[in-house]
Amino acid sequence: MNRRSTVFVNASVLSLAALLGLAWAANVEEELKKFETDRAAAAVKGDVATLEKQTSDDYTFINLYGQMSDKPQMVNVFKTGQTKLASNELSDMNVRVYSNTAVITGKALTSRELWAGKTRTAKSCSPGSM
């Protein structure tokens, strides 16, 4: 193989590797967005099993009043029915993948059922559960 052919083959292999890397990253990002969307839907359904499975053990949430809760506290409010969401709409999700770690940020518009069909809506920006 002459020098020109070798350079072409090397450039082609590097280009293919870069394209495969981009495709893999896009696929991972879409998978993680779906995971987070499914988790939000589980919160609306009160699906405690899914919330326990899809929430990391070191989960921390800070509500609109500055109160912190961890995973067991979050799961418990759904398990006991203390919190019932009417909706939980996610938007503007951004996924950043760093080796074997991902950070998801975005916005959530939630409506909480209060009593007799009354709801309370709140907007928040928060990191995901990953």
N, C-alpha and C. Protein backbone atom coordinates (compact mmCIF):
# COMPACT_ATOMS: atom_id res chain seq x y z
N MET A 1 0.85 -1.17 0.00
CA MET A 1 0.00 0.00 0.00
C MET A 1 0.90 1.23 0.00
N ASN A 2 0.56 2.19 -0.86
CA ASN A 2 1.38 3.39 -0.88
C ASN A 2 0.93 4.37 0.20
N ARG A 3 1.69 5.39 0.36
CA ARG A 3 1.46 6.36 1.44
C ARG A 3 0.09 7.03 1.32
N ARG A 4 -0.32 7.39 0.12
CA ARG A 4 -1.60 8.05 -0.10
C ARG A 4 -2.76 7.13 0.32
N SER A 5 -2.68 5.87 -0.01
CA SER A 5 -3.73 4.90 0.35
C SER A 5 -3.79 4.71 1.86
N THR A 6 -2.63 4.68 2.50
CA THR A 6 -2.57 4.50 3.94
C THR A 6 -3.23 5.70 4.65
N VAL A 7 -2.93 6.90 4.19
CA VAL A 7 -3.51 8.10 4.78
C VAL A 7 -5.02 8.08 4.60
N PHE A 8 -5.50 7.69 3.41
CA PHE A 8 -6.93 7.64 3.14
C PHE A 8 -7.63 6.62 4.05
N VAL A 9 -7.04 5.44 4.20
CA VAL A 9 -7.62 4.40 5.05
C VAL A 9 -7.66 4.88 6.50
N ASN A 10 -6.58 5.45 6.99
CA ASN A 10 -6.55 5.95 8.37
C ASN A 10 -7.60 7.05 8.59
N ALA A 11 -7.71 7.97 7.64
CA ALA A 11 -8.70 9.04 7.76
C ALA A 11 -10.12 8.46 7.75
N SER A 12 -10.34 7.47 6.91
CA SER A 12 -11.67 6.84 6.84
C SER A 12 -12.03 6.14 8.14
N VAL A 13 -11.07 5.43 8.71
CA VAL A 13 -11.30 4.72 9.97
C VAL A 13 -11.59 5.73 11.08
N LEU A 14 -10.81 6.79 11.17
CA LEU A 14 -11.04 7.81 12.19
C LEU A 14 -12.39 8.49 12.01
N SER A 15 -12.76 8.78 10.78
CA SER A 15 -14.07 9.40 10.52
C SER A 15 -15.20 8.48 10.92
N LEU A 16 -15.07 7.20 10.58
CA LEU A 16 -16.09 6.22 10.95
C LEU A 16 -16.20 6.10 12.46
N ALA A 17 -15.07 6.07 13.16
CA ALA A 17 -15.08 5.98 14.62
C ALA A 17 -15.75 7.21 15.23
N ALA A 18 -15.47 8.38 14.69
CA ALA A 18 -16.10 9.60 15.21
C ALA A 18 -17.60 9.57 14.98
N LEU A 19 -18.04 9.14 13.79
CA LEU A 19 -19.47 9.06 13.50
C LEU A 19 -20.17 8.04 14.40
N LEU A 20 -19.53 6.91 14.61
CA LEU A 20 -20.11 5.90 15.50
C LEU A 20 -20.20 6.42 16.93
N GLY A 21 -19.18 7.16 17.35
CA GLY A 21 -19.20 7.75 18.69
C GLY A 21 -20.34 8.75 18.84
N LEU A 22 -20.55 9.58 17.82
CA LEU A 22 -21.65 10.54 17.86
C LEU A 22 -23.00 9.84 17.88
N ALA A 23 -23.15 8.79 17.08
CA ALA A 23 -24.41 8.04 17.04
C ALA A 23 -24.66 7.37 18.39
N TRP A 24 -23.62 6.80 18.98
CA TRP A 24 -23.76 6.17 20.30
C TRP A 24 -24.18 7.18 21.34
N ALA A 25 -23.53 8.36 21.34
CA ALA A 25 -23.85 9.39 22.32
C ALA A 25 -25.28 9.88 22.16
N ALA A 26 -25.73 10.07 20.91
CA ALA A 26 -27.10 10.51 20.67
C ALA A 26 -28.09 9.46 21.16
N ASN A 27 -27.78 8.19 20.94
CA ASN A 27 -28.65 7.10 21.38
C ASN A 27 -28.73 7.07 22.91
N VAL A 28 -27.61 7.24 23.57
CA VAL A 28 -27.58 7.25 25.04
C VAL A 28 -28.40 8.43 25.56
N GLU A 29 -28.25 9.58 24.95
CA GLU A 29 -29.00 10.76 25.38
C GLU A 29 -30.50 10.54 25.25
N GLU A 30 -30.93 9.98 24.13
CA GLU A 30 -32.36 9.72 23.93
C GLU A 30 -32.87 8.67 24.91
N GLU A 31 -32.07 7.66 25.17
CA GLU A 31 -32.45 6.63 26.14
C GLU A 31 -32.62 7.23 27.54
N LEU A 32 -31.71 8.09 27.93
CA LEU A 32 -31.79 8.71 29.25
C LEU A 32 -32.96 9.68 29.36
N LYS A 33 -33.24 10.42 28.29
CA LYS A 33 -34.41 11.30 28.29
C LYS A 33 -35.69 10.48 28.45
N LYS A 34 -35.77 9.35 27.75
CA LYS A 34 -36.94 8.48 27.87
C LYS A 34 -37.04 7.93 29.29
N PHE A 35 -35.92 7.54 29.85
CA PHE A 35 -35.89 7.03 31.22
C PHE A 35 -36.46 8.06 32.19
N GLU A 36 -36.03 9.32 32.06
CA GLU A 36 -36.48 10.39 32.94
C GLU A 36 -37.97 10.70 32.71
N THR A 37 -38.40 10.67 31.44
CA THR A 37 -39.81 10.89 31.12
C THR A 37 -40.67 9.77 31.71
N ASP A 38 -40.20 8.54 31.61
CA ASP A 38 -40.92 7.40 32.21
C ASP A 38 -41.00 7.54 33.72
N ARG A 39 -39.94 8.03 34.33
CA ARG A 39 -39.93 8.24 35.79
C ARG A 39 -40.94 9.32 36.18
N ALA A 40 -41.03 10.38 35.38
CA ALA A 40 -42.01 11.45 35.65
C ALA A 40 -43.43 10.90 35.53
N ALA A 41 -43.66 10.05 34.54
CA ALA A 41 -44.99 9.44 34.36
C ALA A 41 -45.31 8.52 35.54
N ALA A 42 -44.31 7.82 36.05
CA ALA A 42 -44.52 6.94 37.21
C ALA A 42 -44.93 7.76 38.43
N ALA A 43 -44.38 8.96 38.57
CA ALA A 43 -44.75 9.82 39.69
C ALA A 43 -46.22 10.23 39.60
N VAL A 44 -46.69 10.52 38.38
CA VAL A 44 -48.09 10.89 38.19
C VAL A 44 -49.00 9.70 38.51
N LYS A 45 -48.59 8.51 38.09
CA LYS A 45 -49.39 7.29 38.33
C LYS A 45 -49.30 6.82 39.78
N GLY A 46 -48.33 7.33 40.52
CA GLY A 46 -48.10 6.83 41.87
C GLY A 46 -47.50 5.44 41.86
N ASP A 47 -46.75 5.13 40.80
CA ASP A 47 -46.12 3.82 40.61
C ASP A 47 -44.85 3.75 41.46
N VAL A 48 -45.01 3.36 42.71
CA VAL A 48 -43.93 3.34 43.68
C VAL A 48 -42.81 2.39 43.26
N ALA A 49 -43.16 1.24 42.71
CA ALA A 49 -42.13 0.26 42.30
C ALA A 49 -41.19 0.86 41.26
N THR A 50 -41.75 1.56 40.27
CA THR A 50 -40.92 2.18 39.24
C THR A 50 -40.09 3.32 39.83
N LEU A 51 -40.69 4.11 40.71
CA LEU A 51 -39.93 5.20 41.34
C LEU A 51 -38.76 4.66 42.15
N GLU A 52 -38.98 3.58 42.89
CA GLU A 52 -37.89 2.98 43.67
C GLU A 52 -36.79 2.44 42.75
N LYS A 53 -37.20 1.82 41.66
CA LYS A 53 -36.23 1.20 40.73
C LYS A 53 -35.45 2.25 39.95
N GLN A 54 -36.12 3.33 39.54
CA GLN A 54 -35.49 4.29 38.63
C GLN A 54 -34.96 5.55 39.33
N THR A 55 -34.89 5.52 40.63
CA THR A 55 -34.34 6.67 41.37
C THR A 55 -33.08 6.20 42.09
N SER A 56 -32.02 6.95 41.93
CA SER A 56 -30.76 6.56 42.56
C SER A 56 -30.89 6.62 44.08
N ASP A 57 -30.10 5.81 44.75
CA ASP A 57 -30.14 5.74 46.21
C ASP A 57 -29.69 7.04 46.87
N ASP A 58 -28.87 7.83 46.17
CA ASP A 58 -28.40 9.09 46.75
C ASP A 58 -29.20 10.30 46.25
N TYR A 59 -30.41 10.04 45.77
CA TYR A 59 -31.33 11.08 45.30
C TYR A 59 -31.58 12.13 46.38
N THR A 60 -31.57 13.39 45.97
CA THR A 60 -31.90 14.50 46.86
C THR A 60 -32.79 15.46 46.09
N PHE A 61 -33.85 15.92 46.73
CA PHE A 61 -34.76 16.87 46.11
C PHE A 61 -34.92 18.06 47.04
N ILE A 62 -34.91 19.25 46.47
CA ILE A 62 -35.16 20.47 47.24
C ILE A 62 -36.42 21.10 46.65
N ASN A 63 -37.47 21.22 47.47
CA ASN A 63 -38.73 21.74 46.96
C ASN A 63 -38.74 23.27 46.90
N LEU A 64 -39.88 23.83 46.51
CA LEU A 64 -40.00 25.28 46.35
C LEU A 64 -39.79 26.05 47.64
N TYR A 65 -39.93 25.37 48.78
CA TYR A 65 -39.79 26.02 50.08
C TYR A 65 -38.40 25.80 50.68
N GLY A 66 -37.50 25.17 49.91
CA GLY A 66 -36.15 24.93 50.38
C GLY A 66 -36.00 23.70 51.27
N GLN A 67 -37.06 22.90 51.36
CA GLN A 67 -37.00 21.69 52.18
C GLN A 67 -36.39 20.55 51.36
N MET A 68 -35.48 19.83 51.98
CA MET A 68 -34.81 18.72 51.30
C MET A 68 -35.47 17.40 51.66
N SER A 69 -35.47 16.49 50.68
CA SER A 69 -35.92 15.13 50.96
C SER A 69 -35.01 14.17 50.20
N ASP A 70 -34.92 12.96 50.72
CA ASP A 70 -34.10 11.94 50.08
C ASP A 70 -35.01 10.90 49.43
N LYS A 71 -34.43 9.86 48.88
CA LYS A 71 -35.20 8.85 48.17
C LYS A 71 -36.28 8.21 49.05
N PRO A 72 -35.94 7.71 50.25
CA PRO A 72 -37.00 7.09 51.07
C PRO A 72 -38.15 8.04 51.38
N GLN A 73 -37.84 9.30 51.64
CA GLN A 73 -38.90 10.28 51.92
C GLN A 73 -39.76 10.52 50.68
N MET A 74 -39.13 10.64 49.51
CA MET A 74 -39.86 10.86 48.27
C MET A 74 -40.77 9.69 47.97
N VAL A 75 -40.23 8.48 48.07
CA VAL A 75 -41.03 7.28 47.79
C VAL A 75 -42.19 7.18 48.77
N ASN A 76 -41.94 7.51 50.02
CA ASN A 76 -42.97 7.39 51.06
C ASN A 76 -44.17 8.32 50.81
N VAL A 77 -43.93 9.54 50.31
CA VAL A 77 -45.06 10.45 50.09
C VAL A 77 -45.97 9.95 48.96
N PHE A 78 -45.39 9.20 48.01
CA PHE A 78 -46.22 8.60 46.96
C PHE A 78 -46.89 7.33 47.47
N LYS A 79 -46.14 6.56 48.27
CA LYS A 79 -46.67 5.31 48.81
C LYS A 79 -47.87 5.56 49.72
N THR A 80 -47.79 6.60 50.55
CA THR A 80 -48.87 6.90 51.49
C THR A 80 -49.99 7.73 50.86
N GLY A 81 -49.76 8.23 49.65
CA GLY A 81 -50.76 9.07 49.01
C GLY A 81 -50.71 10.51 49.46
N GLN A 82 -49.71 10.84 50.27
CA GLN A 82 -49.54 12.21 50.75
C GLN A 82 -49.34 13.17 49.58
N THR A 83 -48.65 12.71 48.54
CA THR A 83 -48.46 13.49 47.33
C THR A 83 -49.10 12.75 46.17
N LYS A 84 -49.94 13.45 45.43
CA LYS A 84 -50.56 12.90 44.22
C LYS A 84 -50.44 13.97 43.15
N LEU A 85 -49.73 13.64 42.08
CA LEU A 85 -49.55 14.59 40.99
C LEU A 85 -50.63 14.41 39.94
N ALA A 86 -51.16 15.53 39.45
CA ALA A 86 -52.11 15.49 38.34
C ALA A 86 -51.35 15.47 37.02
N SER A 87 -50.18 16.11 36.99
CA SER A 87 -49.33 16.09 35.79
C SER A 87 -47.89 16.39 36.19
N ASN A 88 -46.98 15.99 35.32
CA ASN A 88 -45.56 16.23 35.54
C ASN A 88 -44.91 16.30 34.16
N GLU A 89 -44.90 17.49 33.58
CA GLU A 89 -44.42 17.68 32.21
C GLU A 89 -42.97 18.15 32.21
N LEU A 90 -42.11 17.38 31.57
CA LEU A 90 -40.70 17.73 31.48
C LEU A 90 -40.41 18.43 30.16
N SER A 91 -39.50 19.39 30.20
CA SER A 91 -39.11 20.08 28.97
C SER A 91 -37.65 20.53 29.09
N ASP A 92 -37.12 20.95 27.98
CA ASP A 92 -35.76 21.49 27.91
C ASP A 92 -34.72 20.58 28.56
N MET A 93 -34.91 19.26 28.40
CA MET A 93 -33.94 18.34 28.99
C MET A 93 -32.63 18.40 28.21
N ASN A 94 -31.54 18.43 28.95
CA ASN A 94 -30.21 18.43 28.38
C ASN A 94 -29.42 17.33 29.07
N VAL A 95 -28.84 16.44 28.28
CA VAL A 95 -28.08 15.32 28.83
C VAL A 95 -26.61 15.54 28.52
N ARG A 96 -25.79 15.43 29.54
CA ARG A 96 -24.34 15.48 29.37
C ARG A 96 -23.78 14.15 29.85
N VAL A 97 -23.05 13.48 28.99
CA VAL A 97 -22.47 12.18 29.33
C VAL A 97 -20.98 12.36 29.54
N TYR A 98 -20.51 11.90 30.70
CA TYR A 98 -19.09 11.94 31.04
C TYR A 98 -18.67 10.52 31.37
N SER A 99 -18.08 9.84 30.42
CA SER A 99 -17.65 8.45 30.61
C SER A 99 -18.84 7.59 31.03
N ASN A 100 -18.86 7.10 32.26
CA ASN A 100 -19.96 6.24 32.71
C ASN A 100 -20.94 6.99 33.60
N THR A 101 -20.96 8.32 33.50
CA THR A 101 -21.85 9.15 34.31
C THR A 101 -22.61 10.09 33.40
N ALA A 102 -23.87 10.36 33.74
CA ALA A 102 -24.66 11.31 32.97
C ALA A 102 -25.32 12.30 33.92
N VAL A 103 -25.44 13.53 33.45
CA VAL A 103 -26.14 14.57 34.19
C VAL A 103 -27.27 15.06 33.31
N ILE A 104 -28.49 15.03 33.85
CA ILE A 104 -29.66 15.49 33.10
C ILE A 104 -30.19 16.74 33.81
N THR A 105 -30.36 17.81 33.05
CA THR A 105 -30.97 19.01 33.59
C THR A 105 -32.19 19.33 32.73
N GLY A 106 -33.10 20.09 33.29
CA GLY A 106 -34.29 20.46 32.53
C GLY A 106 -35.28 21.18 33.39
N LYS A 107 -36.48 21.31 32.86
CA LYS A 107 -37.56 21.98 33.57
C LYS A 107 -38.71 21.00 33.78
N ALA A 108 -39.44 21.20 34.85
CA ALA A 108 -40.63 20.39 35.13
C ALA A 108 -41.78 21.32 35.48
N LEU A 109 -42.93 21.05 34.91
CA LEU A 109 -44.15 21.75 35.25
C LEU A 109 -45.07 20.72 35.86
N THR A 110 -45.26 20.81 37.16
CA THR A 110 -46.06 19.81 37.87
C THR A 110 -47.33 20.44 38.41
N SER A 111 -48.38 19.64 38.39
CA SER A 111 -49.64 20.02 39.04
C SER A 111 -49.92 18.97 40.09
N ARG A 112 -50.15 19.44 41.27
CA ARG A 112 -50.40 18.55 42.40
C ARG A 112 -51.88 18.60 42.77
N GLU A 113 -52.48 17.43 42.93
CA GLU A 113 -53.86 17.37 43.35
C GLU A 113 -53.94 17.72 44.82
N LEU A 114 -54.79 18.66 45.16
CA LEU A 114 -54.93 19.07 46.55
C LEU A 114 -56.18 18.45 47.17
N TRP A 115 -57.36 18.87 46.75
CA TRP A 115 -58.62 18.32 47.26
C TRP A 115 -59.73 18.70 46.30
N ALA A 116 -60.74 17.93 46.26
CA ALA A 116 -61.97 18.19 45.49
C ALA A 116 -61.68 18.73 44.09
N GLY A 117 -60.75 18.11 43.40
CA GLY A 117 -60.45 18.52 42.04
C GLY A 117 -59.57 19.75 41.92
N LYS A 118 -59.16 20.34 43.04
CA LYS A 118 -58.29 21.51 43.02
C LYS A 118 -56.85 21.06 42.81
N THR A 119 -56.11 21.82 42.02
CA THR A 119 -54.70 21.50 41.79
C THR A 119 -53.85 22.73 42.05
N ARG A 120 -52.58 22.49 42.24
CA ARG A 120 -51.59 23.56 42.40
C ARG A 120 -50.47 23.26 41.42
N THR A 121 -50.09 24.25 40.62
CA THR A 121 -49.08 24.07 39.59
C THR A 121 -47.80 24.76 40.02
N ALA A 122 -46.67 24.10 39.75
CA ALA A 122 -45.38 24.67 40.10
C ALA A 122 -44.37 24.39 38.99
N LYS A 123 -43.52 25.36 38.71
CA LYS A 123 -42.44 25.20 37.75
C LYS A 123 -41.16 24.99 38.53
N SER A 124 -40.30 24.15 37.99
CA SER A 124 -38.99 24.00 38.63
C SER A 124 -37.95 23.64 37.60
N CYS A 125 -36.73 23.96 37.90
CA CYS A 125 -35.57 23.53 37.13
C CYS A 125 -34.80 22.64 38.06
N SER A 126 -34.50 21.45 37.60
CA SER A 126 -33.81 20.55 38.51
C SER A 126 -32.97 19.57 37.74
N PRO A 127 -31.91 19.07 38.38
CA PRO A 127 -31.15 17.98 37.79
C PRO A 127 -31.99 16.71 37.84
N GLY A 128 -31.66 15.80 36.97
CA GLY A 128 -32.38 14.54 36.93
C GLY A 128 -31.99 13.60 38.03
N SER A 129 -32.41 12.37 37.90
CA SER A 129 -32.25 11.38 38.96
C SER A 129 -31.05 10.49 38.75
N MET A 130 -30.28 10.78 37.72
CA MET A 130 -29.19 9.87 37.40
C MET A 130 -27.99 10.16 38.25
